[in-house]
């Protein structure tokens, strides 16, 4: 088993969303080290690393649909719903959010919370790989950002556990500002 504290869960979340055909992400389940390879010679499993398979696009698309379903402003909801139709929906959705800065902040908080705690999250991948001890996985599921949310003033409010707030206070003004911009403490 690897020491879960050595795994960069943020990078692992990026790997799980990366659908590029120009490179591949690999994880060493013994150390938690992630590698990004652009060399096609590494397309085969070498026995020590496992290729990180990206989540199906339907997972991200479902998150966008759920988010849009909670937007109260009819005009914004109509614009965002329209952006979800057809090829290029992910880019159009993010571009449409540029006209709604509060919703954009809420979307990224919602998205990050889902990536941390939802199905296909980095924690769940480590569990599937049997790379982390069960007690750590259970604690990580409880300590990570909860993906519960509610709509208020047309913004999704992500609830963070107290441990996240303490971390933000320790880390300084950047995280504190993020919390002040629409993240509620539970």
Protein backbone atom coordinates (compact mmCIF):
# COMPACT_ATOMS: atom_id res chain seq x y z
CA UNK A 1 0.00 0.00 0.00
CA UNK A 2 1.18 3.48 -0.75
CA UNK A 3 1.19 6.39 1.62
CA UNK A 4 -1.89 8.30 0.43
CA UNK A 5 -0.42 11.58 1.60
CA UNK A 6 2.13 11.28 -1.25
CA UNK A 7 -0.56 11.23 -3.94
CA UNK A 8 -1.34 14.54 -5.60
CA UNK A 9 -5.13 14.27 -5.77
CA UNK A 10 -5.40 17.49 -7.79
CA UNK A 11 -3.12 16.14 -10.53
CA UNK A 12 -4.94 12.81 -10.43
CA UNK A 13 -8.25 14.65 -10.93
CA UNK A 14 -6.73 16.45 -13.94
CA UNK A 15 -5.61 13.08 -15.36
CA UNK A 16 -9.11 11.66 -14.96
CA UNK A 17 -10.54 14.51 -17.06
CA UNK A 18 -7.82 14.56 -19.72
CA UNK A 19 -9.13 13.09 -22.98
CA UNK A 20 -6.14 14.10 -25.11
CA UNK A 21 -4.96 11.62 -27.72
CA UNK A 22 -1.47 13.17 -27.70
CA UNK A 23 -0.37 11.88 -24.31
CA UNK A 24 -1.24 9.50 -21.51
CA UNK A 25 -1.24 9.72 -17.72
CA UNK A 26 0.23 6.88 -15.68
CA UNK A 27 0.19 6.16 -11.96
CA UNK A 28 2.56 4.00 -9.99
CA UNK A 29 0.27 2.31 -7.45
CA UNK A 30 3.23 1.57 -5.17
CA UNK A 31 4.34 5.20 -4.81
CA UNK A 32 1.40 7.28 -6.06
CA UNK A 33 3.69 9.05 -8.54
CA UNK A 34 1.95 10.36 -11.64
CA UNK A 35 3.66 10.63 -15.00
CA UNK A 36 2.54 12.34 -18.18
CA UNK A 37 4.01 10.61 -21.22
CA UNK A 38 4.05 12.02 -24.74
CA UNK A 39 6.08 9.08 -26.05
CA UNK A 40 3.98 6.40 -27.73
CA UNK A 41 6.55 3.80 -26.64
CA UNK A 42 4.93 3.95 -23.21
CA UNK A 43 1.48 3.00 -24.46
CA UNK A 44 1.86 -0.47 -22.99
CA UNK A 45 1.67 -1.24 -19.27
CA UNK A 46 5.23 -1.88 -18.09
CA UNK A 47 4.12 -3.81 -15.03
CA UNK A 48 4.88 -1.04 -12.55
CA UNK A 49 2.62 1.72 -13.80
CA UNK A 50 -1.07 1.70 -14.64
CA UNK A 51 -2.55 3.96 -17.27
CA UNK A 52 -5.12 6.39 -15.87
CA UNK A 53 -8.22 6.04 -18.02
CA UNK A 54 -10.16 9.30 -18.33
CA UNK A 55 -13.72 9.38 -17.10
CA UNK A 56 -16.36 9.15 -19.81
CA UNK A 57 -17.40 12.57 -21.11
CA UNK A 58 -20.94 11.71 -20.00
CA UNK A 59 -19.87 12.20 -16.35
CA UNK A 60 -18.82 15.82 -16.95
CA UNK A 61 -21.80 16.44 -19.20
CA UNK A 62 -24.15 15.13 -16.50
CA UNK A 63 -22.57 17.51 -13.99
CA UNK A 64 -23.17 20.44 -16.34
CA UNK A 65 -26.80 19.41 -16.87
CA UNK A 66 -27.38 19.11 -13.13
CA UNK A 67 -25.79 22.50 -12.50
CA UNK A 68 -27.88 24.20 -15.20
CA UNK A 69 -31.02 22.60 -13.80
CA UNK A 70 -30.44 24.54 -10.57
CA UNK A 71 -29.94 27.98 -12.12
CA UNK A 72 -32.89 30.20 -11.22
CA UNK A 73 -32.25 33.02 -13.68
CA UNK A 74 -34.30 32.00 -16.73
CA UNK A 75 -32.10 33.82 -19.22
CA UNK A 76 -28.90 32.33 -17.84
CA UNK A 77 -30.47 28.87 -17.69
CA UNK A 78 -31.63 29.18 -21.32
CA UNK A 79 -28.16 30.34 -22.48
CA UNK A 80 -26.39 27.54 -20.59
CA UNK A 81 -28.89 24.90 -21.78
CA UNK A 82 -28.34 26.01 -25.36
CA UNK A 83 -24.57 25.77 -24.88
CA UNK A 84 -24.94 22.08 -23.97
CA UNK A 85 -26.38 21.09 -27.37
CA UNK A 86 -24.14 19.39 -29.91
CA UNK A 87 -20.42 18.98 -30.36
CA UNK A 88 -18.20 21.37 -28.43
CA UNK A 89 -20.62 21.61 -25.50
CA UNK A 90 -17.87 21.73 -22.87
CA UNK A 91 -16.16 24.74 -24.49
CA UNK A 92 -19.45 26.56 -25.24
CA UNK A 93 -20.63 26.01 -21.67
CA UNK A 94 -17.46 27.52 -20.20
CA UNK A 95 -17.58 30.39 -22.70
CA UNK A 96 -21.23 31.10 -21.83
CA UNK A 97 -20.33 31.27 -18.14
CA UNK A 98 -18.00 34.21 -18.88
CA UNK A 99 -21.12 36.41 -19.10
CA UNK A 100 -22.21 35.28 -15.61
CA UNK A 101 -19.23 35.67 -13.24
CA UNK A 102 -21.14 34.58 -10.12
CA UNK A 103 -22.42 31.47 -11.83
CA UNK A 104 -18.95 30.81 -13.24
CA UNK A 105 -17.44 30.82 -9.73
CA UNK A 106 -20.27 28.60 -8.55
CA UNK A 107 -19.75 26.20 -11.47
CA UNK A 108 -16.07 25.75 -10.69
CA UNK A 109 -16.78 25.23 -6.98
CA UNK A 110 -19.47 22.68 -7.91
CA UNK A 111 -17.18 20.98 -10.44
CA UNK A 112 -14.26 20.80 -8.02
CA UNK A 113 -16.46 19.41 -5.28
CA UNK A 114 -17.81 16.73 -7.60
CA UNK A 115 -14.29 15.84 -8.71
CA UNK A 116 -13.14 15.48 -5.13
CA UNK A 117 -15.98 13.38 -3.78
CA UNK A 118 -18.05 12.03 -6.62
CA UNK A 119 -17.96 8.83 -8.64
CA UNK A 120 -14.71 8.46 -10.55
CA UNK A 121 -12.90 10.75 -8.12
CA UNK A 122 -9.18 10.35 -7.39
CA UNK A 123 -10.00 8.77 -4.04
CA UNK A 124 -12.24 6.20 -5.70
CA UNK A 125 -9.54 5.38 -8.28
CA UNK A 126 -7.04 4.70 -5.50
CA UNK A 127 -9.59 2.40 -3.85
CA UNK A 128 -10.15 0.49 -7.10
CA UNK A 129 -6.38 0.08 -7.49
CA UNK A 130 -6.32 -1.27 -3.92
CA UNK A 131 -3.51 1.23 -3.35
CA UNK A 132 -4.73 2.83 -0.13
CA UNK A 133 -5.84 1.45 3.22
CA UNK A 134 -9.61 1.31 3.76
CA UNK A 135 -9.57 3.58 6.84
CA UNK A 136 -7.79 6.31 4.85
CA UNK A 137 -10.28 6.00 1.99
CA UNK A 138 -13.23 6.32 4.36
CA UNK A 139 -11.70 9.33 6.09
CA UNK A 140 -10.84 10.92 2.73
CA UNK A 141 -14.40 10.49 1.52
CA UNK A 142 -15.66 12.25 4.63
CA UNK A 143 -12.99 14.97 4.80
CA UNK A 144 -12.98 15.97 1.14
CA UNK A 145 -15.27 18.65 -0.16
CA UNK A 146 -18.85 17.50 0.09
CA UNK A 147 -20.70 17.73 -3.19
CA UNK A 148 -23.96 18.65 -1.58
CA UNK A 149 -25.13 21.95 -2.90
CA UNK A 150 -28.06 24.30 -2.88
CA UNK A 151 -29.18 27.16 -5.04
CA UNK A 152 -29.20 30.63 -3.56
CA UNK A 153 -29.31 33.88 -5.51
CA UNK A 154 -28.66 31.89 -8.69
CA UNK A 155 -25.38 30.57 -7.39
CA UNK A 156 -24.62 27.08 -6.25
CA UNK A 157 -23.24 27.15 -2.74
CA UNK A 158 -20.77 24.38 -2.00
CA UNK A 159 -20.57 23.28 1.59
CA UNK A 160 -17.14 22.58 3.03
CA UNK A 161 -16.36 20.64 6.18
CA UNK A 162 -14.69 22.51 9.03
CA UNK A 163 -11.33 20.86 8.22
CA UNK A 164 -11.32 22.65 4.84
CA UNK A 165 -11.97 25.99 6.51
CA UNK A 166 -9.13 25.45 8.95
CA UNK A 167 -6.85 24.61 6.02
CA UNK A 168 -7.93 27.76 4.21
CA UNK A 169 -7.21 29.86 7.25
CA UNK A 170 -3.78 28.29 7.56
CA UNK A 171 -3.01 28.72 3.84
CA UNK A 172 -3.77 32.41 3.72
CA UNK A 173 -5.78 35.01 1.85
CA UNK A 174 -6.18 33.25 -1.51
CA UNK A 175 -8.18 30.37 -0.08
CA UNK A 176 -10.00 32.67 2.34
CA UNK A 177 -11.10 34.81 -0.60
CA UNK A 178 -12.38 31.74 -2.44
CA UNK A 179 -14.42 30.82 0.60
CA UNK A 180 -15.83 34.33 0.86
CA UNK A 181 -16.92 34.25 -2.80
CA UNK A 182 -19.71 31.76 -2.37
CA UNK A 183 -18.62 28.78 -0.35
CA UNK A 184 -20.52 28.16 2.85
CA UNK A 185 -19.16 26.49 5.97
CA UNK A 186 -21.05 23.51 7.41
